[in-house]
Amino acid sequence: MYEKFYGLRERPIDLTPNPAYLFMTPKHREALATLQYGLRGRKGFSVVVGAAGKGKTTLVTAALQSIRGATPLGRDCIAFLNNPTLSPSEFIAYLAPALGLSREAGLSKARFLIELTSAVTDRQRAGGLTALVIDEAQNLPDSLLEEVRLLANVETGTEKLLQIILTGQPELADRLNQPSLRQLKQRVALRCTLGRLDKTETGAYIAARIWSAGGEDRQLFTPEAVDIIYEASRGIPRTVSVLCDNALLGGFAADENPVGRETVLEVCRDLDLMPEPRVEFTRLALRPIEPAAPKEAEVEREVVGARSPVFGQVPKPALSRDLFRAFTDRP
């Protein structure tokens, strides 16, 4: 809707995992290299951990695309599981057609394993890749995690025939540390963690999106607007994209180019993503405080207290009792 107004070839913001829009921070570059190494080296299990919206799915898609681009078409088979809350039997029924197996393989676990072993072996000999990607893996039931672990046993004496990538939120790392899942954790060959964008990376992320959409070096957001986007999104790429998309739409409606701070703040209010208020501290010069001279009454009281056994110290319990009786026994 707003592409022509801002001189863009296409929408720069989209929530689908499009590898063409993958923004490479140093951490993302390291994670991509790790996944590519694991897939090419047939390492078996790889794990990608990061909070929601950090770009895990886009990163995995880019890694698979780069590997598949190096092999002839038709030799690879990639199965994606985005909703892992299945029973073991449902899991087998889902994987069978996704991995190119027969309908009967989805009805019998024994048949499934026989056909899977044959298919991945033939594909490996032809130079192809067989991979299983499970998103939101922190939601996998323990029984299904055990099934996934057993699938990793499909191997030769030198390499794994089925490459398995688990992506999930930080809860996935916590689950892998459970004693009951220690066998699965021992099979994880590669692991990477994605963090949030910092302020500079957030600005670069927005600029990269605009450039990829044909905006070249256009500045569609003022620096103040980018600051608000960073503070409201807390550096989460998906939230940055949501804010930018809505802000560009609001700027288009208001005939505003570049989009300013007030437009972004209005979007933040609509989405209930207001940035946290800033707390600023002022450094004060400290000077030594000279003690004030005691007044005459205080000096007199200190002198009397020094001479009096009653006022000069805290009375003992017996002395306090005697004083109380002396005052209460008066006629």
C-alpha atoms as a PDB file:
ATOM      1  CA  MET A   1       0.000   0.000   0.000  1.00  0.00           C
ATOM      2  CA  TYR A   2       2.744   2.451   0.945  1.00  0.00           C
ATOM      3  CA  GLU A   3       5.521   1.104  -1.311  1.00  0.00           C
ATOM      4  CA  LYS A   4       5.077   3.647  -4.108  1.00  0.00           C
ATOM      5  CA  PHE A   5       4.812   6.556  -1.685  1.00  0.00           C
ATOM      6  CA  TYR A   6       8.209   5.737  -0.176  1.00  0.00           C
ATOM      7  CA  GLY A   7       9.817   4.714  -3.478  1.00  0.00           C
ATOM      8  CA  LEU A   8      10.117   1.005  -2.634  1.00  0.00           C
ATOM      9  CA  ARG A   9       9.999  -1.969  -4.954  1.00  0.00           C
ATOM     10  CA  GLU A  10       8.191  -4.130  -2.400  1.00  0.00           C
ATOM     11  CA  ARG A  11       7.205  -4.104   1.233  1.00  0.00           C
ATOM     12  CA  PRO A  12      10.389  -4.019   3.326  1.00  0.00           C
ATOM     13  CA  ILE A  13       8.709  -5.516   6.384  1.00  0.00           C
ATOM     14  CA  ASP A  14       7.256  -9.005   6.400  1.00  0.00           C
ATOM     15  CA  LEU A  15       6.912 -11.484   9.252  1.00  0.00           C
ATOM     16  CA  THR A  16       7.536 -14.553   7.091  1.00  0.00           C
ATOM     17  CA  PRO A  17      11.006 -16.180   7.359  1.00  0.00           C
ATOM     18  CA  ASN A  18      12.360 -14.831   4.069  1.00  0.00           C
ATOM     19  CA  PRO A  19      16.146 -15.488   3.819  1.00  0.00           C
ATOM     20  CA  ALA A  20      16.484 -12.559   1.423  1.00  0.00           C
ATOM     21  CA  TYR A  21      15.839 -10.240   4.372  1.00  0.00           C
ATOM     22  CA  LEU A  22      18.122 -11.993   6.842  1.00  0.00           C
ATOM     23  CA  PHE A  23      20.090  -9.361   8.747  1.00  0.00           C
ATOM     24  CA  MET A  24      23.518 -10.621   9.758  1.00  0.00           C
ATOM     25  CA  THR A  25      24.766  -9.419  13.109  1.00  0.00           C
ATOM     26  CA  PRO A  26      28.057 -11.003  14.231  1.00  0.00           C
ATOM     27  CA  LYS A  27      26.051 -13.474  16.346  1.00  0.00           C
ATOM     28  CA  HIS A  28      23.726 -14.349  13.460  1.00  0.00           C
ATOM     29  CA  ARG A  29      26.713 -14.811  11.163  1.00  0.00           C
ATOM     30  CA  GLU A  30      28.316 -17.157  13.669  1.00  0.00           C
ATOM     31  CA  ALA A  31      25.077 -19.118  14.074  1.00  0.00           C
ATOM     32  CA  LEU A  32      24.608 -19.422  10.299  1.00  0.00           C
ATOM     33  CA  ALA A  33      28.152 -20.722   9.870  1.00  0.00           C
ATOM     34  CA  THR A  34      27.549 -23.216  12.682  1.00  0.00           C
ATOM     35  CA  LEU A  35      24.386 -24.567  11.054  1.00  0.00           C
ATOM     36  CA  GLN A  36      26.016 -24.787   7.627  1.00  0.00           C
ATOM     37  CA  TYR A  37      28.925 -26.697   9.122  1.00  0.00           C
ATOM     38  CA  GLY A  38      26.577 -29.076  10.905  1.00  0.00           C
ATOM     39  CA  LEU A  39      24.558 -29.782   7.761  1.00  0.00           C
ATOM     40  CA  ARG A  40      27.541 -30.187   5.463  1.00  0.00           C
ATOM     41  CA  GLY A  41      29.463 -32.246   7.991  1.00  0.00           C
ATOM     42  CA  ARG A  42      26.474 -34.538   8.705  1.00  0.00           C
ATOM     43  CA  LYS A  43      26.779 -33.878  12.435  1.00  0.00           C
ATOM     44  CA  GLY A  44      23.262 -35.011  13.317  1.00  0.00           C
ATOM     45  CA  PHE A  45      21.790 -32.873  16.082  1.00  0.00           C
ATOM     46  CA  SER A  46      21.988 -29.060  16.047  1.00  0.00           C
ATOM     47  CA  VAL A  47      20.175 -26.703  18.435  1.00  0.00           C
ATOM     48  CA  VAL A  48      19.325 -23.011  17.955  1.00  0.00           C
ATOM     49  CA  VAL A  49      18.106 -21.181  21.067  1.00  0.00           C
ATOM     50  CA  GLY A  50      16.664 -17.678  21.246  1.00  0.00           C
ATOM     51  CA  ALA A  51      13.649 -15.785  22.517  1.00  0.00           C
ATOM     52  CA  ALA A  52      10.594 -15.391  20.284  1.00  0.00           C
ATOM     53  CA  GLY A  53      11.173 -13.091  17.325  1.00  0.00           C
ATOM     54  CA  LYS A  54      14.973 -13.338  17.246  1.00  0.00           C
ATOM     55  CA  GLY A  55      15.114 -14.748  13.693  1.00  0.00           C
ATOM     56  CA  LYS A  56      15.704 -18.447  14.422  1.00  0.00           C
ATOM     57  CA  THR A  57      13.418 -19.766  11.676  1.00  0.00           C
ATOM     58  CA  THR A  58      14.790 -17.321   9.101  1.00  0.00           C
ATOM     59  CA  LEU A  59      18.329 -18.339  10.019  1.00  0.00           C
ATOM     60  CA  VAL A  60      17.589 -22.056   9.647  1.00  0.00           C
ATOM     61  CA  THR A  61      15.837 -21.446   6.321  1.00  0.00           C
ATOM     62  CA  ALA A  62      18.874 -19.530   5.054  1.00  0.00           C
ATOM     63  CA  ALA A  63      21.231 -22.324   6.150  1.00  0.00           C
ATOM     64  CA  LEU A  64      19.163 -24.986   4.390  1.00  0.00           C
ATOM     65  CA  GLN A  65      18.852 -22.830   1.278  1.00  0.00           C
ATOM     66  CA  SER A  66      22.614 -22.363   1.082  1.00  0.00           C
ATOM     67  CA  ILE A  67      23.193 -26.119   1.396  1.00  0.00           C
ATOM     68  CA  ARG A  68      20.505 -27.050  -1.111  1.00  0.00           C
ATOM     69  CA  GLY A  69      21.922 -24.553  -3.598  1.00  0.00           C
ATOM     70  CA  ALA A  70      25.113 -26.626  -3.751  1.00  0.00           C
ATOM     71  CA  THR A  71      23.331 -29.891  -4.687  1.00  0.00           C
ATOM     72  CA  PRO A  72      21.266 -30.863  -7.747  1.00  0.00           C
ATOM     73  CA  LEU A  73      17.545 -30.196  -7.468  1.00  0.00           C
ATOM     74  CA  GLY A  74      15.425 -33.122  -6.355  1.00  0.00           C
ATOM     75  CA  ARG A  75      18.072 -34.817  -4.243  1.00  0.00           C
ATOM     76  CA  ASP A  76      17.225 -33.134  -0.935  1.00  0.00           C
ATOM     77  CA  CYS A  77      14.304 -33.731   1.367  1.00  0.00           C
ATOM     78  CA  ILE A  78      13.582 -31.276   4.183  1.00  0.00           C
ATOM     79  CA  ALA A  79      10.743 -31.840   6.657  1.00  0.00           C
ATOM     80  CA  PHE A  80       9.510 -28.909   8.762  1.00  0.00           C
ATOM     81  CA  LEU A  81       7.471 -29.399  11.925  1.00  0.00           C
ATOM     82  CA  ASN A  82       6.095 -26.121  13.257  1.00  0.00           C
ATOM     83  CA  ASN A  83       3.584 -27.523  15.753  1.00  0.00           C
ATOM     84  CA  PRO A  84       5.339 -30.226  17.770  1.00  0.00           C
ATOM     85  CA  THR A  85       2.526 -30.907  20.261  1.00  0.00           C
ATOM     86  CA  LEU A  86       1.845 -34.354  18.783  1.00  0.00           C
ATOM     87  CA  SER A  87       1.681 -37.857  20.118  1.00  0.00           C
ATOM     88  CA  PRO A  88       4.362 -40.346  18.956  1.00  0.00           C
ATOM     89  CA  SER A  89       1.919 -41.999  16.535  1.00  0.00           C
ATOM     90  CA  GLU A  90       0.855 -38.620  15.099  1.00  0.00           C
ATOM     91  CA  PHE A  91       4.515 -37.682  14.779  1.00  0.00           C
ATOM     92  CA  ILE A  92       5.216 -40.758  12.641  1.00  0.00           C
ATOM     93  CA  ALA A  93       2.081 -40.137  10.555  1.00  0.00           C
ATOM     94  CA  TYR A  94       3.249 -36.554   9.882  1.00  0.00           C
ATOM     95  CA  LEU A  95       6.866 -37.434   9.044  1.00  0.00           C
ATOM     96  CA  ALA A  96       6.157 -40.268   6.612  1.00  0.00           C
ATOM     97  CA  PRO A  97       4.787 -38.145   3.723  1.00  0.00           C
ATOM     98  CA  ALA A  98       7.072 -35.205   4.622  1.00  0.00           C
ATOM     99  CA  LEU A  99      10.113 -37.430   4.087  1.00  0.00           C
ATOM    100  CA  GLY A 100       8.742 -39.037   0.921  1.00  0.00           C
ATOM    101  CA  LEU A 101       7.735 -42.364   2.474  1.00  0.00           C
ATOM    102  CA  SER A 102       4.682 -44.469   1.663  1.00  0.00           C
ATOM    103  CA  ARG A 103       1.272 -44.101   3.277  1.00  0.00           C
ATOM    104  CA  GLU A 104       1.768 -47.457   4.998  1.00  0.00           C
ATOM    105  CA  ALA A 105       4.884 -46.069   6.700  1.00  0.00           C
ATOM    106  CA  GLY A 106       2.715 -43.541   8.511  1.00  0.00           C
ATOM    107  CA  LEU A 107       0.588 -46.329   9.972  1.00  0.00           C
ATOM    108  CA  SER A 108       3.323 -48.627  11.238  1.00  0.00           C
ATOM    109  CA  LYS A 109       6.432 -47.572  13.147  1.00  0.00           C
ATOM    110  CA  ALA A 110       8.347 -50.654  12.000  1.00  0.00           C
ATOM    111  CA  ARG A 111       7.480 -49.931   8.372  1.00  0.00           C
ATOM    112  CA  PHE A 112       8.407 -46.276   8.903  1.00  0.00           C
ATOM    113  CA  LEU A 113      11.898 -47.131  10.191  1.00  0.00           C
ATOM    114  CA  ILE A 114      12.547 -49.611   7.378  1.00  0.00           C
ATOM    115  CA  GLU A 115      11.577 -47.142   4.650  1.00  0.00           C
ATOM    116  CA  LEU A 116      13.328 -44.213   6.369  1.00  0.00           C
ATOM    117  CA  THR A 117      16.626 -46.080   6.606  1.00  0.00           C
ATOM    118  CA  SER A 118      16.441 -47.109   2.957  1.00  0.00           C
ATOM    119  CA  ALA A 119      15.429 -43.638   1.738  1.00  0.00           C
ATOM    120  CA  VAL A 120      18.088 -41.654   3.618  1.00  0.00           C
ATOM    121  CA  THR A 121      20.781 -44.147   2.640  1.00  0.00           C
ATOM    122  CA  ASP A 122      19.921 -43.882  -1.061  1.00  0.00           C
ATOM    123  CA  ARG A 123      19.702 -40.100  -0.818  1.00  0.00           C
ATOM    124  CA  GLN A 124      23.084 -39.873   0.881  1.00  0.00           C
ATOM    125  CA  ARG A 125      24.710 -42.001  -1.831  1.00  0.00           C
ATOM    126  CA  ALA A 126      23.236 -39.657  -4.465  1.00  0.00           C
ATOM    127  CA  GLY A 127      24.766 -36.650  -2.684  1.00  0.00           C
ATOM    128  CA  GLY A 128      21.478 -35.402  -1.281  1.00  0.00           C
ATOM    129  CA  LEU A 129      20.461 -34.199   2.164  1.00  0.00           C
ATOM    130  CA  THR A 130      17.716 -35.407   4.481  1.00  0.00           C
ATOM    131  CA  ALA A 131      16.851 -33.046   7.317  1.00  0.00           C
ATOM    132  CA  LEU A 132      14.182 -32.627   9.963  1.00  0.00           C
ATOM    133  CA  VAL A 133      13.603 -29.123  11.376  1.00  0.00           C
ATOM    134  CA  ILE A 134      11.456 -28.863  14.513  1.00  0.00           C
ATOM    135  CA  ASP A 135      10.420 -25.338  15.482  1.00  0.00           C
ATOM    136  CA  GLU A 136       9.150 -24.410  18.958  1.00  0.00           C
ATOM    137  CA  ALA A 137      10.968 -27.497  20.229  1.00  0.00           C
ATOM    138  CA  GLN A 138      10.585 -26.365  23.836  1.00  0.00           C
ATOM    139  CA  ASN A 139       6.973 -27.586  23.568  1.00  0.00           C
ATOM    140  CA  LEU A 140       7.907 -31.150  22.624  1.00  0.00           C
ATOM    141  CA  PRO A 141       6.595 -33.722  25.107  1.00  0.00           C
ATOM    142  CA  ASP A 142       9.264 -35.920  26.684  1.00  0.00           C
ATOM    143  CA  SER A 143       7.903 -38.937  24.822  1.00  0.00           C
ATOM    144  CA  LEU A 144       8.329 -37.151  21.497  1.00  0.00           C
ATOM    145  CA  LEU A 145      11.816 -35.941  22.371  1.00  0.00           C
ATOM    146  CA  GLU A 146      12.733 -39.562  22.945  1.00  0.00           C
ATOM    147  CA  GLU A 147      11.371 -40.472  19.504  1.00  0.00           C
ATOM    148  CA  VAL A 148      13.462 -37.682  17.959  1.00  0.00           C
ATOM    149  CA  ARG A 149      16.553 -38.943  19.781  1.00  0.00           C
ATOM    150  CA  LEU A 150      16.020 -42.448  18.421  1.00  0.00           C
ATOM    151  CA  LEU A 151      15.708 -41.114  14.869  1.00  0.00           C
ATOM    152  CA  ALA A 152      19.297 -39.897  15.194  1.00  0.00           C
ATOM    153  CA  ASN A 153      20.372 -43.544  15.320  1.00  0.00           C
ATOM    154  CA  VAL A 154      19.900 -43.722  11.537  1.00  0.00           C
ATOM    155  CA  GLU A 155      23.573 -43.518  10.618  1.00  0.00           C
ATOM    156  CA  THR A 156      26.556 -45.180   9.010  1.00  0.00           C
ATOM    157  CA  GLY A 157      29.885 -45.840  10.617  1.00  0.00           C
ATOM    158  CA  THR A 158      31.164 -42.412   9.561  1.00  0.00           C
ATOM    159  CA  GLU A 159      28.226 -39.958   9.459  1.00  0.00           C
ATOM    160  CA  LYS A 160      24.637 -39.241  10.423  1.00  0.00           C
ATOM    161  CA  LEU A 161      22.124 -39.835   7.645  1.00  0.00           C
ATOM    162  CA  LEU A 162      19.310 -37.706   9.121  1.00  0.00           C
ATOM    163  CA  GLN A 163      20.158 -34.135  10.103  1.00  0.00           C
ATOM    164  CA  ILE A 164      17.962 -32.833  12.920  1.00  0.00           C
ATOM    165  CA  ILE A 165      17.700 -29.146  13.876  1.00  0.00           C
ATOM    166  CA  LEU A 166      15.821 -28.132  17.010  1.00  0.00           C
ATOM    167  CA  THR A 167      14.925 -24.457  17.359  1.00  0.00           C
ATOM    168  CA  GLY A 168      13.281 -23.091  20.453  1.00  0.00           C
ATOM    169  CA  GLN A 169      13.052 -20.475  23.137  1.00  0.00           C
ATOM    170  CA  PRO A 170      15.341 -20.435  26.212  1.00  0.00           C
ATOM    171  CA  GLU A 171      13.074 -23.003  27.884  1.00  0.00           C
ATOM    172  CA  LEU A 172      14.507 -25.538  25.428  1.00  0.00           C
ATOM    173  CA  ALA A 173      17.951 -25.144  26.994  1.00  0.00           C
ATOM    174  CA  ASP A 174      16.413 -25.679  30.430  1.00  0.00           C
ATOM    175  CA  ARG A 175      14.703 -28.867  29.291  1.00  0.00           C
ATOM    176  CA  LEU A 176      17.887 -30.272  27.789  1.00  0.00           C
ATOM    177  CA  ASN A 177      19.508 -29.875  31.207  1.00  0.00           C
ATOM    178  CA  GLN A 178      16.963 -32.196  32.809  1.00  0.00           C
ATOM    179  CA  PRO A 179      18.502 -35.491  34.002  1.00  0.00           C
ATOM    180  CA  SER A 180      15.842 -37.470  32.108  1.00  0.00           C
ATOM    181  CA  LEU A 181      17.023 -35.922  28.803  1.00  0.00           C
ATOM    182  CA  ARG A 182      20.773 -36.289  29.334  1.00  0.00           C
ATOM    183  CA  GLN A 183      21.031 -38.843  26.505  1.00  0.00           C
ATOM    184  CA  LEU A 184      19.508 -36.371  24.072  1.00  0.00           C
ATOM    185  CA  LYS A 185      21.769 -33.542  25.270  1.00  0.00           C
ATOM    186  CA  GLN A 186      24.830 -35.763  24.743  1.00  0.00           C
ATOM    187  CA  ARG A 187      23.880 -36.154  21.092  1.00  0.00           C
ATOM    188  CA  VAL A 188      23.745 -32.400  20.413  1.00  0.00           C
ATOM    189  CA  ALA A 189      26.803 -31.769  18.242  1.00  0.00           C
ATOM    190  CA  LEU A 190      26.336 -28.032  17.643  1.00  0.00           C
ATOM    191  CA  ARG A 191      24.509 -25.344  19.561  1.00  0.00           C
ATOM    192  CA  CYS A 192      24.102 -21.584  19.104  1.00  0.00           C
ATOM    193  CA  THR A 193      22.190 -18.848  20.896  1.00  0.00           C
ATOM    194  CA  LEU A 194      20.698 -15.680  19.384  1.00  0.00           C
ATOM    195  CA  GLY A 195      20.448 -12.496  21.445  1.00  0.00           C
ATOM    196  CA  ARG A 196      18.772  -9.128  21.051  1.00  0.00           C
ATOM    197  CA  LEU A 197      19.882  -6.342  18.747  1.00  0.00           C
ATOM    198  CA  ASP A 198      21.610  -3.383  20.310  1.00  0.00           C
ATOM    199  CA  LYS A 199      20.743   0.198  19.363  1.00  0.00           C
ATOM    200  CA  THR A 200      23.218   0.407  16.486  1.00  0.00           C
ATOM    201  CA  GLU A 201      22.166  -2.995  15.122  1.00  0.00           C
ATOM    202  CA  THR A 202      18.493  -1.980  15.278  1.00  0.00           C
ATOM    203  CA  GLY A 203      19.157   1.035  13.051  1.00  0.00           C
ATOM    204  CA  ALA A 204      21.206  -1.107  10.687  1.00  0.00           C
ATOM    205  CA  TYR A 205      18.455  -3.751  10.637  1.00  0.00           C
ATOM    206  CA  ILE A 206      15.872  -1.170   9.540  1.00  0.00           C
ATOM    207  CA  ALA A 207      18.221   0.293   6.919  1.00  0.00           C
ATOM    208  CA  ALA A 208      19.018  -3.196   5.541  1.00  0.00           C
ATOM    209  CA  ARG A 209      15.313  -3.988   5.203  1.00  0.00           C
ATOM    210  CA  ILE A 210      14.677  -0.745   3.313  1.00  0.00           C
ATOM    211  CA  TRP A 211      17.682  -1.306   1.059  1.00  0.00           C
ATOM    212  CA  SER A 212      16.593  -4.895   0.239  1.00  0.00           C
ATOM    213  CA  ALA A 213      13.142  -3.605  -0.732  1.00  0.00           C
ATOM    214  CA  GLY A 214      14.625  -1.192  -3.269  1.00  0.00           C
ATOM    215  CA  GLY A 215      14.906   1.826  -1.027  1.00  0.00           C
ATOM    216  CA  GLU A 216      18.668   2.048  -1.569  1.00  0.00           C
ATOM    217  CA  ASP A 217      19.959   4.707   0.812  1.00  0.00           C
ATOM    218  CA  ARG A 218      16.583   6.308   1.589  1.00  0.00           C
ATOM    219  CA  GLN A 219      16.112   7.348   5.200  1.00  0.00           C
ATOM    220  CA  LEU A 220      12.466   6.548   5.912  1.00  0.00           C
ATOM    221  CA  PHE A 221      12.727   7.112   9.675  1.00  0.00           C
ATOM    222  CA  THR A 222      14.203  10.031  11.574  1.00  0.00           C
ATOM    223  CA  PRO A 223      16.942   9.218  14.125  1.00  0.00           C
ATOM    224  CA  GLU A 224      14.496  10.067  16.942  1.00  0.00           C
ATOM    225  CA  ALA A 225      11.963   7.629  15.495  1.00  0.00           C
ATOM    226  CA  VAL A 226      14.590   4.864  15.354  1.00  0.00           C
ATOM    227  CA  ASP A 227      15.431   5.505  19.019  1.00  0.00           C
ATOM    228  CA  ILE A 228      11.787   5.011  19.990  1.00  0.00           C
ATOM    229  CA  ILE A 229      11.557   1.837  17.880  1.00  0.00           C
ATOM    230  CA  TYR A 230      14.598   0.404  19.620  1.00  0.00           C
ATOM    231  CA  GLU A 231      13.365   1.257  23.114  1.00  0.00           C
ATOM    232  CA  ALA A 232       9.857  -0.076  22.489  1.00  0.00           C
ATOM    233  CA  SER A 233      11.023  -3.281  20.754  1.00  0.00           C
ATOM    234  CA  ARG A 234      13.871  -3.946  23.224  1.00  0.00           C
ATOM    235  CA  GLY A 235      15.949  -5.088  20.254  1.00  0.00           C
ATOM    236  CA  ILE A 236      13.702  -7.993  19.200  1.00  0.00           C
ATOM    237  CA  PRO A 237      13.754  -8.137  15.365  1.00  0.00           C
ATOM    238  CA  ARG A 238      10.154  -9.291  14.962  1.00  0.00           C
ATOM    239  CA  THR A 239       8.866  -6.455  17.142  1.00  0.00           C
ATOM    240  CA  VAL A 240      11.038  -3.978  15.247  1.00  0.00           C
ATOM    241  CA  SER A 241       9.415  -5.192  12.012  1.00  0.00           C
ATOM    242  CA  VAL A 242       5.894  -4.852  13.412  1.00  0.00           C
ATOM    243  CA  LEU A 243       6.556  -1.307  14.607  1.00  0.00           C
ATOM    244  CA  CYS A 244       8.178  -0.246  11.331  1.00  0.00           C
ATOM    245  CA  ASP A 245       5.393  -1.698   9.185  1.00  0.00           C
ATOM    246  CA  ASN A 246       2.689   0.092  11.169  1.00  0.00           C
ATOM    247  CA  ALA A 247       4.713   3.316  11.334  1.00  0.00           C
ATOM    248  CA  LEU A 248       5.217   3.351   7.559  1.00  0.00           C
ATOM    249  CA  LEU A 249       1.482   2.843   7.099  1.00  0.00           C
ATOM    250  CA  GLY A 250       0.752   5.678   9.524  1.00  0.00           C
ATOM    251  CA  GLY A 251       3.288   7.922   7.803  1.00  0.00           C
ATOM    252  CA  PHE A 252       1.703   7.163   4.438  1.00  0.00           C
ATOM    253  CA  ALA A 253      -1.732   8.129   5.789  1.00  0.00           C
ATOM    254  CA  ALA A 254      -0.299  11.373   7.224  1.00  0.00           C
ATOM    255  CA  ASP A 255       1.777  12.135   4.096  1.00  0.00           C
ATOM    256  CA  GLU A 256       4.933  12.019   6.219  1.00  0.00           C
ATOM    257  CA  ASN A 257       8.349  11.175   4.803  1.00  0.00           C
ATOM    258  CA  PRO A 258      10.505  10.413   6.704  1.00  0.00           C
ATOM    259  CA  VAL A 259       8.433   8.970   9.537  1.00  0.00           C
ATOM    260  CA  GLY A 260       8.916  10.963  12.720  1.00  0.00           C
ATOM    261  CA  ARG A 261       8.974  10.331  16.431  1.00  0.00           C
ATOM    262  CA  GLU A 262       5.320  11.210  17.106  1.00  0.00           C
ATOM    263  CA  THR A 263       4.032   8.772  14.488  1.00  0.00           C
ATOM    264  CA  VAL A 264       6.076   5.953  16.012  1.00  0.00           C
ATOM    265  CA  LEU A 265       4.856   6.842  19.504  1.00  0.00           C
ATOM    266  CA  GLU A 266       1.261   6.693  18.283  1.00  0.00           C
ATOM    267  CA  VAL A 267       1.912   3.230  16.854  1.00  0.00           C
ATOM    268  CA  CYS A 268       3.487   2.159  20.142  1.00  0.00           C
ATOM    269  CA  ARG A 269       0.372   3.290  22.008  1.00  0.00           C
ATOM    270  CA  ASP A 270      -1.898   1.419  19.600  1.00  0.00           C
ATOM    271  CA  LEU A 271       0.138  -1.790  19.970  1.00  0.00           C
ATOM    272  CA  ASP A 272       0.638  -1.360  23.725  1.00  0.00           C
ATOM    273  CA  LEU A 273       4.407  -1.300  23.241  1.00  0.00           C
ATOM    274  CA  MET A 274       5.286   1.986  24.875  1.00  0.00           C
ATOM    275  CA  PRO A 275       8.993   2.360  25.676  1.00  0.00           C
ATOM    276  CA  GLU A 276       9.944   2.346  29.324  1.00  0.00           C
ATOM    277  CA  PRO A 277      10.482   5.840  30.797  1.00  0.00           C
ATOM    278  CA  ARG A 278      14.064   6.926  30.984  1.00  0.00           C
ATOM    279  CA  VAL A 279      15.658   7.506  34.358  1.00  0.00           C
ATOM    280  CA  GLU A 280      18.390  10.112  34.204  1.00  0.00           C
ATOM    281  CA  PHE A 281      20.911  10.712  36.955  1.00  0.00           C
ATOM    282  CA  THR A 282      22.816  13.930  37.548  1.00  0.00           C
ATOM    283  CA  ARG A 283      26.331  13.776  38.912  1.00  0.00           C
ATOM    284  CA  LEU A 284      26.715  16.170  41.841  1.00  0.00           C
ATOM    285  CA  ALA A 285      29.968  17.576  43.158  1.00  0.00           C
ATOM    286  CA  LEU A 286      30.416  16.385  46.726  1.00  0.00           C
ATOM    287  CA  ARG A 287      31.954  18.686  49.313  1.00  0.00           C
ATOM    288  CA  PRO A 288      32.945  17.692  52.845  1.00  0.00           C
ATOM    289  CA  ILE A 289      30.366  18.800  55.399  1.00  0.00           C
ATOM    290  CA  GLU A 290      31.844  20.499  58.436  1.00  0.00           C
ATOM    291  CA  PRO A 291      30.237  19.464  61.749  1.00  0.00           C
ATOM    292  CA  ALA A 292      28.140  22.232  63.287  1.00  0.00           C
ATOM    293  CA  ALA A 293      29.250  23.665  66.638  1.00  0.00           C
ATOM    294  CA  PRO A 294      27.120  22.263  69.515  1.00  0.00           C
ATOM    295  CA  LYS A 295      24.732  24.655  71.207  1.00  0.00           C
ATOM    296  CA  GLU A 296      25.202  25.672  74.858  1.00  0.00           C
ATOM    297  CA  ALA A 297      22.176  23.601  76.009  1.00  0.00           C
ATOM    298  CA  GLU A 298      23.565  20.499  74.274  1.00  0.00           C
ATOM    299  CA  VAL A 299      26.971  21.059  75.879  1.00  0.00           C
ATOM    300  CA  GLU A 300      25.320  21.431  79.307  1.00  0.00           C
ATOM    301  CA  ARG A 301      23.295  18.230  78.736  1.00  0.00           C
ATOM    302  CA  GLU A 302      26.396  16.309  77.685  1.00  0.00           C
ATOM    303  CA  VAL A 303      28.246  17.487  80.798  1.00  0.00           C
ATOM    304  CA  VAL A 304      25.347  16.533  83.091  1.00  0.00           C
ATOM    305  CA  GLY A 305      25.037  13.184  81.357  1.00  0.00           C
ATOM    306  CA  ALA A 306      28.724  12.531  81.830  1.00  0.00           C
ATOM    307  CA  ARG A 307      28.377  13.125  85.589  1.00  0.00           C
ATOM    308  CA  SER A 308      25.047  11.366  86.104  1.00  0.00           C
ATOM    309  CA  PRO A 309      24.989   7.561  86.346  1.00  0.00           C
ATOM    310  CA  VAL A 310      21.321   7.663  85.303  1.00  0.00           C
ATOM    311  CA  PHE A 311      21.558   9.804  82.171  1.00  0.00           C
ATOM    312  CA  GLY A 312      25.107   8.935  81.167  1.00  0.00           C
ATOM    313  CA  GLN A 313      24.332   5.343  80.245  1.00  0.00           C
ATOM    314  CA  VAL A 314      21.439   2.955  79.646  1.00  0.00           C
ATOM    315  CA  PRO A 315      20.225   1.737  83.076  1.00  0.00           C
ATOM    316  CA  LYS A 316      20.452  -1.923  83.846  1.00  0.00           C
ATOM    317  CA  PRO A 317      17.144  -3.782  84.385  1.00  0.00           C
ATOM    318  CA  ALA A 318      17.563  -3.890  88.205  1.00  0.00           C
ATOM    319  CA  LEU A 319      18.408  -0.171  88.387  1.00  0.00           C
ATOM    320  CA  SER A 320      15.390   0.681  86.209  1.00  0.00           C
ATOM    321  CA  ARG A 321      13.125  -1.340  88.488  1.00  0.00           C
ATOM    322  CA  ASP A 322      14.451   0.400  91.603  1.00  0.00           C
ATOM    323  CA  LEU A 323      13.933   3.834  90.057  1.00  0.00           C
ATOM    324  CA  PHE A 324      10.394   2.913  89.083  1.00  0.00           C
ATOM    325  CA  ARG A 325       9.590   1.801  92.640  1.00  0.00           C
ATOM    326  CA  ALA A 326      11.164   4.915  94.115  1.00  0.00           C
ATOM    327  CA  PHE A 327       8.863   7.137  92.082  1.00  0.00           C
ATOM    328  CA  THR A 328       5.689   5.010  92.491  1.00  0.00           C
ATOM    329  CA  ASP A 329       6.110   4.483  96.267  1.00  0.00           C
ATOM    330  CA  ARG A 330       5.994   8.188  97.056  1.00  0.00           C
ATOM    331  CA  PRO A 331       3.099   9.269  99.346  1.00  0.00           C
END
